[in-house]
N, C-alpha and C. Protein backbone atom coordinates (compact mmCIF):
# COMPACT_ATOMS: atom_id res chain seq x y z
N MET A 1 0.84 -1.17 0.00
CA MET A 1 0.00 0.00 0.00
C MET A 1 0.89 1.25 0.00
N ALA A 2 0.55 2.22 -0.81
CA ALA A 2 1.32 3.46 -0.92
C ALA A 2 1.13 4.32 0.33
N THR A 3 2.20 5.03 0.70
CA THR A 3 2.11 5.99 1.80
C THR A 3 2.40 7.39 1.27
N TYR A 4 1.77 8.37 1.86
CA TYR A 4 1.94 9.77 1.50
C TYR A 4 2.60 10.51 2.66
N THR A 5 3.63 11.29 2.36
CA THR A 5 4.30 12.10 3.36
C THR A 5 4.40 13.51 2.83
N LYS A 6 3.88 14.48 3.57
CA LYS A 6 3.92 15.88 3.15
C LYS A 6 5.29 16.46 3.51
N LEU A 7 5.96 17.07 2.51
CA LEU A 7 7.30 17.60 2.68
C LEU A 7 7.39 19.04 2.20
N LEU A 8 8.40 19.73 2.72
CA LEU A 8 8.73 21.06 2.21
C LEU A 8 9.38 20.91 0.84
N LEU A 9 9.26 21.93 0.02
CA LEU A 9 10.02 21.96 -1.22
C LEU A 9 11.50 21.99 -0.87
N SER A 10 12.32 21.22 -1.56
CA SER A 10 13.73 21.12 -1.17
C SER A 10 14.50 22.43 -1.37
N GLY A 11 14.01 23.33 -2.21
CA GLY A 11 14.67 24.62 -2.41
C GLY A 11 14.30 25.66 -1.36
N SER A 12 13.35 25.34 -0.51
CA SER A 12 12.89 26.27 0.53
C SER A 12 13.68 26.05 1.82
N THR A 13 13.91 27.13 2.54
CA THR A 13 14.53 27.04 3.86
C THR A 13 13.44 27.09 4.92
N ASN A 14 13.23 25.98 5.59
CA ASN A 14 12.25 25.89 6.68
C ASN A 14 10.83 26.26 6.26
N GLY A 15 10.50 26.05 4.98
CA GLY A 15 9.15 26.34 4.50
C GLY A 15 8.90 27.78 4.11
N ARG A 16 9.94 28.59 4.15
CA ARG A 16 9.79 30.02 3.80
C ARG A 16 9.67 30.20 2.29
N ASN A 17 9.16 31.38 1.90
CA ASN A 17 9.08 31.73 0.48
C ASN A 17 10.46 31.68 -0.16
N MET A 18 10.47 31.37 -1.45
CA MET A 18 11.68 31.44 -2.27
C MET A 18 11.51 32.61 -3.22
N GLN A 19 12.44 33.53 -3.21
CA GLN A 19 12.38 34.68 -4.11
C GLN A 19 13.03 34.30 -5.43
N VAL A 20 12.34 34.59 -6.53
CA VAL A 20 12.86 34.26 -7.86
C VAL A 20 13.85 35.34 -8.26
N THR A 21 15.12 34.97 -8.30
CA THR A 21 16.18 35.94 -8.59
C THR A 21 16.70 35.84 -10.01
N GLY A 22 16.54 34.71 -10.65
CA GLY A 22 17.06 34.52 -12.01
C GLY A 22 16.13 35.06 -13.07
N THR A 23 16.71 35.47 -14.20
CA THR A 23 15.92 35.99 -15.32
C THR A 23 16.09 35.18 -16.60
N ALA A 24 16.77 34.05 -16.51
CA ALA A 24 16.97 33.17 -17.67
C ALA A 24 17.23 31.76 -17.16
N SER A 25 17.19 30.80 -18.06
CA SER A 25 17.37 29.41 -17.68
C SER A 25 18.66 29.17 -16.90
N GLY A 26 19.74 29.78 -17.33
CA GLY A 26 21.03 29.57 -16.68
C GLY A 26 21.11 30.11 -15.26
N SER A 27 20.23 31.04 -14.91
CA SER A 27 20.24 31.61 -13.56
C SER A 27 18.98 31.26 -12.78
N ALA A 28 18.23 30.27 -13.26
CA ALA A 28 17.00 29.84 -12.59
C ALA A 28 17.31 29.34 -11.18
N ILE A 29 16.37 29.57 -10.26
CA ILE A 29 16.54 29.07 -8.89
C ILE A 29 16.03 27.63 -8.81
N LEU A 30 16.63 26.85 -7.94
CA LEU A 30 16.17 25.50 -7.67
C LEU A 30 14.96 25.57 -6.74
N VAL A 31 13.85 25.02 -7.18
CA VAL A 31 12.64 24.98 -6.37
C VAL A 31 12.53 23.64 -5.65
N HIS A 32 12.77 22.56 -6.39
CA HIS A 32 12.66 21.23 -5.78
C HIS A 32 13.41 20.20 -6.61
N THR A 33 14.04 19.25 -5.89
CA THR A 33 14.64 18.07 -6.52
C THR A 33 13.79 16.87 -6.13
N ALA A 34 13.29 16.17 -7.12
CA ALA A 34 12.38 15.03 -6.88
C ALA A 34 13.11 13.85 -6.26
N VAL A 35 12.34 12.96 -5.71
CA VAL A 35 12.84 11.73 -5.12
C VAL A 35 13.65 10.95 -6.16
N ALA A 36 14.71 10.29 -5.71
CA ALA A 36 15.54 9.48 -6.59
C ALA A 36 14.80 8.20 -6.98
N GLY A 37 15.12 7.68 -8.14
CA GLY A 37 14.55 6.41 -8.59
C GLY A 37 13.20 6.57 -9.25
N THR A 38 12.65 5.43 -9.68
CA THR A 38 11.38 5.45 -10.42
C THR A 38 10.24 4.71 -9.74
N SER A 39 10.45 4.27 -8.50
CA SER A 39 9.35 3.57 -7.83
C SER A 39 8.52 4.51 -6.96
N ASP A 40 9.09 5.63 -6.49
CA ASP A 40 8.36 6.61 -5.69
C ASP A 40 8.11 7.86 -6.53
N LEU A 41 7.17 8.68 -6.08
CA LEU A 41 6.78 9.89 -6.82
C LEU A 41 6.69 11.09 -5.89
N ASP A 42 6.96 12.27 -6.41
CA ASP A 42 6.70 13.53 -5.71
C ASP A 42 5.55 14.23 -6.41
N GLU A 43 4.48 14.47 -5.67
CA GLU A 43 3.34 15.24 -6.17
C GLU A 43 3.57 16.69 -5.73
N ILE A 44 3.81 17.58 -6.69
CA ILE A 44 4.26 18.94 -6.40
C ILE A 44 3.12 19.94 -6.52
N TRP A 45 2.99 20.77 -5.47
CA TRP A 45 2.03 21.86 -5.44
C TRP A 45 2.83 23.15 -5.26
N LEU A 46 2.76 24.04 -6.25
CA LEU A 46 3.57 25.26 -6.23
C LEU A 46 2.68 26.48 -6.48
N TYR A 47 2.89 27.52 -5.66
CA TYR A 47 2.14 28.77 -5.74
C TYR A 47 3.10 29.94 -5.94
N ALA A 48 2.66 30.96 -6.67
CA ALA A 48 3.47 32.15 -6.93
C ALA A 48 2.70 33.40 -6.52
N THR A 49 3.43 34.37 -5.99
CA THR A 49 2.85 35.65 -5.58
C THR A 49 3.70 36.78 -6.13
N GLY A 50 3.04 37.73 -6.81
CA GLY A 50 3.73 38.93 -7.27
C GLY A 50 3.93 39.89 -6.10
N THR A 51 5.08 40.58 -6.07
CA THR A 51 5.39 41.45 -4.93
C THR A 51 5.57 42.91 -5.32
N THR A 52 5.24 43.26 -6.57
CA THR A 52 5.37 44.65 -7.01
C THR A 52 4.11 45.07 -7.77
N ALA A 53 4.06 46.32 -8.17
CA ALA A 53 2.91 46.86 -8.90
C ALA A 53 2.93 46.50 -10.38
N THR A 54 3.94 45.74 -10.81
CA THR A 54 4.06 45.33 -12.21
C THR A 54 3.85 43.83 -12.34
N SER A 55 2.96 43.43 -13.22
CA SER A 55 2.73 42.02 -13.48
C SER A 55 3.93 41.43 -14.20
N ARG A 56 4.33 40.21 -13.85
CA ARG A 56 5.51 39.57 -14.43
C ARG A 56 5.20 38.15 -14.88
N ILE A 57 5.94 37.71 -15.89
CA ILE A 57 5.84 36.32 -16.36
C ILE A 57 6.83 35.46 -15.57
N LEU A 58 6.33 34.36 -15.04
CA LEU A 58 7.14 33.37 -14.35
C LEU A 58 7.31 32.17 -15.28
N THR A 59 8.53 31.65 -15.38
CA THR A 59 8.79 30.46 -16.17
C THR A 59 9.30 29.36 -15.25
N ILE A 60 8.64 28.21 -15.32
CA ILE A 60 9.02 27.03 -14.55
C ILE A 60 9.62 26.02 -15.52
N GLU A 61 10.80 25.50 -15.19
CA GLU A 61 11.38 24.39 -15.92
C GLU A 61 11.00 23.12 -15.15
N PHE A 62 10.09 22.35 -15.71
CA PHE A 62 9.54 21.18 -15.03
C PHE A 62 10.29 19.93 -15.46
N GLY A 63 11.28 19.54 -14.68
CA GLY A 63 12.02 18.31 -14.93
C GLY A 63 13.29 18.49 -15.73
N ALA A 64 13.39 19.54 -16.51
CA ALA A 64 14.58 19.75 -17.34
C ALA A 64 14.49 21.12 -17.99
N ALA A 65 15.61 21.53 -18.55
CA ALA A 65 15.62 22.77 -19.34
C ALA A 65 15.74 22.39 -20.81
N GLY A 66 15.05 21.32 -21.20
CA GLY A 66 15.24 20.73 -22.51
C GLY A 66 14.31 21.21 -23.59
N GLY A 67 13.80 22.40 -23.51
CA GLY A 67 12.95 22.91 -24.58
C GLY A 67 11.55 23.23 -24.10
N ASP A 68 10.73 23.68 -25.04
CA ASP A 68 9.40 24.16 -24.71
C ASP A 68 8.52 23.14 -24.02
N LYS A 69 8.70 21.86 -24.28
CA LYS A 69 7.84 20.85 -23.66
C LYS A 69 8.03 20.78 -22.15
N ASP A 70 9.14 21.30 -21.63
CA ASP A 70 9.42 21.28 -20.21
C ASP A 70 9.09 22.59 -19.50
N LEU A 71 8.56 23.58 -20.24
CA LEU A 71 8.32 24.90 -19.66
C LEU A 71 6.86 25.12 -19.31
N VAL A 72 6.65 25.79 -18.18
CA VAL A 72 5.33 26.26 -17.78
C VAL A 72 5.48 27.76 -17.57
N GLU A 73 4.67 28.56 -18.27
CA GLU A 73 4.76 30.02 -18.13
C GLU A 73 3.42 30.56 -17.64
N LEU A 74 3.51 31.56 -16.76
CA LEU A 74 2.31 32.11 -16.13
C LEU A 74 2.52 33.57 -15.81
N ASP A 75 1.52 34.39 -16.09
CA ASP A 75 1.52 35.79 -15.65
C ASP A 75 1.08 35.78 -14.19
N VAL A 76 1.98 36.14 -13.31
CA VAL A 76 1.72 36.01 -11.88
C VAL A 76 0.78 37.10 -11.36
N GLY A 77 0.81 38.28 -11.95
CA GLY A 77 -0.05 39.36 -11.48
C GLY A 77 0.69 40.28 -10.52
N VAL A 78 0.01 41.30 -10.08
CA VAL A 78 0.62 42.33 -9.24
C VAL A 78 0.43 42.01 -7.76
N GLU A 79 1.17 42.73 -6.91
CA GLU A 79 1.02 42.55 -5.47
C GLU A 79 -0.43 42.78 -5.07
N GLY A 80 -0.87 42.07 -4.09
CA GLY A 80 -2.23 42.21 -3.60
C GLY A 80 -3.25 41.33 -4.30
N THR A 81 -2.84 40.60 -5.34
CA THR A 81 -3.78 39.73 -6.04
C THR A 81 -3.77 38.30 -5.52
N GLY A 82 -2.91 38.04 -4.55
CA GLY A 82 -2.88 36.73 -3.91
C GLY A 82 -2.00 35.73 -4.63
N ALA A 83 -1.92 34.56 -4.05
CA ALA A 83 -1.10 33.49 -4.60
C ALA A 83 -1.84 32.80 -5.74
N LYS A 84 -1.10 32.48 -6.80
CA LYS A 84 -1.65 31.75 -7.94
C LYS A 84 -1.06 30.36 -7.97
N LEU A 85 -1.90 29.37 -8.23
CA LEU A 85 -1.45 28.01 -8.36
C LEU A 85 -0.71 27.86 -9.68
N VAL A 86 0.54 27.42 -9.60
CA VAL A 86 1.39 27.27 -10.78
C VAL A 86 1.51 25.80 -11.18
N ILE A 87 1.80 24.92 -10.23
CA ILE A 87 1.92 23.49 -10.48
C ILE A 87 0.88 22.78 -9.60
N PRO A 88 -0.18 22.24 -10.21
CA PRO A 88 -1.30 21.66 -9.46
C PRO A 88 -1.18 20.15 -9.20
N GLY A 89 -0.16 19.77 -8.45
CA GLY A 89 -0.05 18.36 -8.08
C GLY A 89 0.55 17.47 -9.15
N TRP A 90 1.33 18.04 -10.05
CA TRP A 90 1.98 17.22 -11.08
C TRP A 90 3.06 16.35 -10.45
N LEU A 91 3.32 15.21 -11.08
CA LEU A 91 4.25 14.22 -10.54
C LEU A 91 5.63 14.35 -11.16
N LEU A 92 6.65 14.14 -10.32
CA LEU A 92 8.04 14.15 -10.77
C LEU A 92 8.80 13.11 -9.97
N GLN A 93 9.82 12.50 -10.57
CA GLN A 93 10.61 11.48 -9.89
C GLN A 93 12.00 11.40 -10.52
N ASN A 94 12.76 10.41 -10.13
CA ASN A 94 14.05 10.08 -10.72
C ASN A 94 15.08 11.20 -10.56
N GLY A 95 14.97 11.99 -9.48
CA GLY A 95 15.94 13.05 -9.20
C GLY A 95 15.83 14.25 -10.13
N LEU A 96 14.75 14.34 -10.92
CA LEU A 96 14.59 15.49 -11.80
C LEU A 96 14.30 16.75 -10.98
N VAL A 97 14.58 17.90 -11.56
CA VAL A 97 14.46 19.15 -10.81
C VAL A 97 13.40 20.07 -11.39
N LEU A 98 12.88 20.90 -10.51
CA LEU A 98 11.96 21.97 -10.87
C LEU A 98 12.69 23.27 -10.57
N LYS A 99 12.84 24.13 -11.57
CA LYS A 99 13.53 25.40 -11.42
C LYS A 99 12.61 26.52 -11.89
N ALA A 100 12.96 27.76 -11.50
CA ALA A 100 12.12 28.91 -11.86
C ALA A 100 12.97 30.13 -12.18
N TYR A 101 12.49 30.92 -13.15
CA TYR A 101 13.05 32.24 -13.43
C TYR A 101 11.92 33.15 -13.89
N ALA A 102 12.18 34.44 -13.90
CA ALA A 102 11.12 35.40 -14.21
C ALA A 102 11.66 36.53 -15.08
N ALA A 103 10.76 37.38 -15.52
CA ALA A 103 11.12 38.49 -16.39
C ALA A 103 11.91 39.58 -15.66
N ALA A 104 11.84 39.60 -14.35
CA ALA A 104 12.59 40.58 -13.55
C ALA A 104 13.00 39.91 -12.24
N THR A 105 14.08 40.37 -11.65
CA THR A 105 14.57 39.76 -10.41
C THR A 105 13.79 40.25 -9.19
N ASN A 106 13.64 39.36 -8.22
CA ASN A 106 13.12 39.68 -6.89
C ASN A 106 11.71 40.28 -6.89
N GLU A 107 10.87 39.87 -7.84
CA GLU A 107 9.50 40.39 -7.89
C GLU A 107 8.43 39.31 -7.78
N ILE A 108 8.88 38.06 -7.64
CA ILE A 108 7.95 36.94 -7.49
C ILE A 108 8.46 36.04 -6.37
N ASN A 109 7.55 35.64 -5.48
CA ASN A 109 7.86 34.67 -4.44
C ASN A 109 7.14 33.36 -4.74
N LEU A 110 7.79 32.26 -4.40
CA LEU A 110 7.22 30.93 -4.58
C LEU A 110 7.12 30.22 -3.25
N ASN A 111 6.09 29.38 -3.12
CA ASN A 111 5.96 28.52 -1.95
C ASN A 111 5.10 27.34 -2.35
N GLY A 112 5.10 26.33 -1.53
CA GLY A 112 4.29 25.15 -1.81
C GLY A 112 4.74 23.98 -0.97
N PHE A 113 4.42 22.78 -1.47
CA PHE A 113 4.77 21.58 -0.74
C PHE A 113 4.77 20.40 -1.69
N VAL A 114 5.25 19.27 -1.18
CA VAL A 114 5.32 18.03 -1.95
C VAL A 114 4.65 16.94 -1.13
N ASN A 115 3.84 16.14 -1.80
CA ASN A 115 3.36 14.91 -1.22
C ASN A 115 4.21 13.79 -1.81
N ARG A 116 5.06 13.20 -1.00
CA ARG A 116 5.90 12.10 -1.48
C ARG A 116 5.09 10.82 -1.37
N ILE A 117 4.95 10.15 -2.50
CA ILE A 117 4.18 8.91 -2.57
C ILE A 117 5.18 7.76 -2.66
N THR A 118 5.21 6.94 -1.62
CA THR A 118 6.14 5.83 -1.52
C THR A 118 5.42 4.54 -1.80
N ALA A 119 5.94 3.79 -2.75
CA ALA A 119 5.30 2.52 -3.16
C ALA A 119 5.35 1.49 -2.04
């Protein structure tokens, strides 16, 4: 029977927000590294919040930086509009990583959690 364990995103310190500082793939921040191997899964829930009066595009590299098929892009909105769901429980495994960058530095915060599903 599978077990579920709720975990912090591995890129977060003590569950705190992660500020998106990178503006391109090469400077993307690490949000989470998935569980190693292919028998267990990480179910990822990620939220983004804009922190300025200017709406910004957030780009998520889901599993790799290997082209458009691995990218998720979202207009996060301006401060005061609340957190937007970016990754709604998608699964990742085999040590793959989730990274993020934005159109401007230090204007988007990320937070969320992982449900680790152990076979």
